[in-house]
Amino acid sequence: MDEAEVKAIARAIVSHLKAKPLASDTQMGIAQWWLQPGGEFSDEALGKALELLRRSGVIEEVLATDGRKRYRRCSSDVELEALLNGELRR
C-alpha cells in the first residue's frame, strides 16, 4: 500500500458521495458497494483513505446503534469538487 493507492480510493469515495450525497455505510459496505467491483485494494488502504477524508472534513464517522462505525458526507459540493480536482492532501 502506498500514498497513491490511498488517494485513489479517497477520490473514488468522493466521487460516490458527490453522486449520492445521502450515502452512509460501514467500511465493509463502502468496499462492497461504493468502490469498483473487484477493485484491488486492502482494508488497510481503505481505512487510511477514510481517515484522510475524515481529517479533511469531507466525511464524518457516526457510531450506529449496532455499535458499527458508519461514514457519511459532511461537506459541500464545492469542497468535494476541489478534492476531485487534485486538492486532496495528506
Protein backbone atom coordinates (compact mmCIF):
# COMPACT_ATOMS: atom_id res chain seq x y z
CA MET A 1 0.00 0.00 0.00
CA ASP A 2 1.27 3.44 -0.89
CA GLU A 3 0.03 7.01 -0.73
CA ALA A 4 -1.15 6.94 -4.36
CA GLU A 5 -3.40 3.94 -3.60
CA VAL A 6 -4.90 5.68 -0.57
CA LYS A 7 -5.57 8.86 -2.56
CA ALA A 8 -7.13 6.88 -5.43
CA ILE A 9 -9.51 5.19 -3.00
CA ALA A 10 -10.31 8.54 -1.37
CA ARG A 11 -11.11 10.08 -4.76
CA ALA A 12 -13.40 7.15 -5.61
CA ILE A 13 -15.24 7.69 -2.33
CA VAL A 14 -15.55 11.43 -3.01
CA SER A 15 -16.96 10.69 -6.49
CA HIS A 16 -19.53 8.38 -4.96
CA LEU A 17 -20.53 10.94 -2.36
CA LYS A 18 -20.89 13.63 -5.00
CA ALA A 19 -23.26 11.42 -6.98
CA LYS A 20 -25.10 10.14 -3.89
CA PRO A 21 -24.93 12.81 -1.18
CA LEU A 22 -27.09 10.92 1.31
CA ALA A 23 -24.99 7.74 1.18
CA SER A 24 -23.90 6.28 4.51
CA ASP A 25 -22.23 2.93 5.14
CA THR A 26 -19.67 0.94 7.08
CA GLN A 27 -16.14 0.35 5.83
CA MET A 28 -17.22 -3.09 4.61
CA GLY A 29 -20.26 -1.63 2.83
CA ILE A 30 -18.13 1.05 1.20
CA ALA A 31 -15.74 -1.61 -0.09
CA GLN A 32 -18.62 -3.68 -1.43
CA TRP A 33 -20.96 -1.03 -2.85
CA TRP A 34 -19.16 2.28 -3.36
CA LEU A 35 -15.90 1.19 -4.95
CA GLN A 36 -15.25 -0.59 -8.24
CA PRO A 37 -16.31 -4.23 -8.09
CA GLY A 38 -13.23 -6.42 -7.89
CA GLY A 39 -11.02 -3.44 -7.07
CA GLU A 40 -7.58 -4.36 -5.86
CA PHE A 41 -7.14 -2.56 -2.57
CA SER A 42 -6.54 -3.59 1.01
CA ASP A 43 -8.74 -2.99 4.03
CA GLU A 44 -5.81 -1.05 5.48
CA ALA A 45 -5.67 1.29 2.46
CA LEU A 46 -9.44 1.83 2.62
CA GLY A 47 -9.20 2.60 6.33
CA LYS A 48 -6.44 5.14 5.69
CA ALA A 49 -8.49 6.74 2.89
CA LEU A 50 -11.49 7.06 5.20
CA GLU A 51 -9.31 8.60 7.90
CA LEU A 52 -7.81 11.03 5.38
CA LEU A 53 -11.29 12.12 4.29
CA ARG A 54 -12.43 12.39 7.91
CA ARG A 55 -9.46 14.59 8.83
CA SER A 56 -10.09 16.70 5.72
CA GLY A 57 -13.66 17.36 6.84
CA VAL A 58 -15.25 15.53 3.91
CA ILE A 59 -16.87 12.71 5.86
CA GLU A 60 -17.87 12.12 9.42
CA GLU A 61 -17.81 8.93 11.40
CA VAL A 62 -21.01 8.05 13.22
CA LEU A 63 -21.46 5.23 15.69
CA ALA A 64 -24.66 3.36 14.79
CA THR A 65 -26.95 1.79 17.38
CA ASP A 66 -25.50 -1.62 16.48
CA GLY A 67 -22.03 -0.36 17.51
CA ARG A 68 -20.60 -0.22 13.99
CA LYS A 69 -18.94 2.88 12.55
CA ARG A 70 -20.71 4.39 9.57
CA TYR A 71 -19.33 7.06 7.29
CA ARG A 72 -21.31 9.82 5.63
CA ARG A 73 -20.74 13.07 3.81
CA CYS A 74 -20.48 16.31 5.77
CA SER A 75 -19.13 18.64 3.06
CA SER A 76 -20.48 20.77 0.24
CA ASP A 77 -20.36 20.06 -3.48
CA VAL A 78 -17.77 22.83 -3.82
CA GLU A 79 -15.48 21.12 -1.30
CA LEU A 80 -15.93 17.75 -3.00
CA GLU A 81 -15.20 19.25 -6.41
CA ALA A 82 -11.99 20.81 -5.07
CA LEU A 83 -10.88 17.40 -3.83
CA LEU A 84 -11.69 15.77 -7.16
CA ASN A 85 -9.60 18.44 -8.90
CA GLY A 86 -6.49 17.26 -7.09
CA GLU A 87 -6.51 19.28 -3.91
CA LEU A 88 -6.65 16.20 -1.70
CA ARG A 89 -3.68 16.37 0.63
CA ARG A 90 -2.42 14.24 3.48
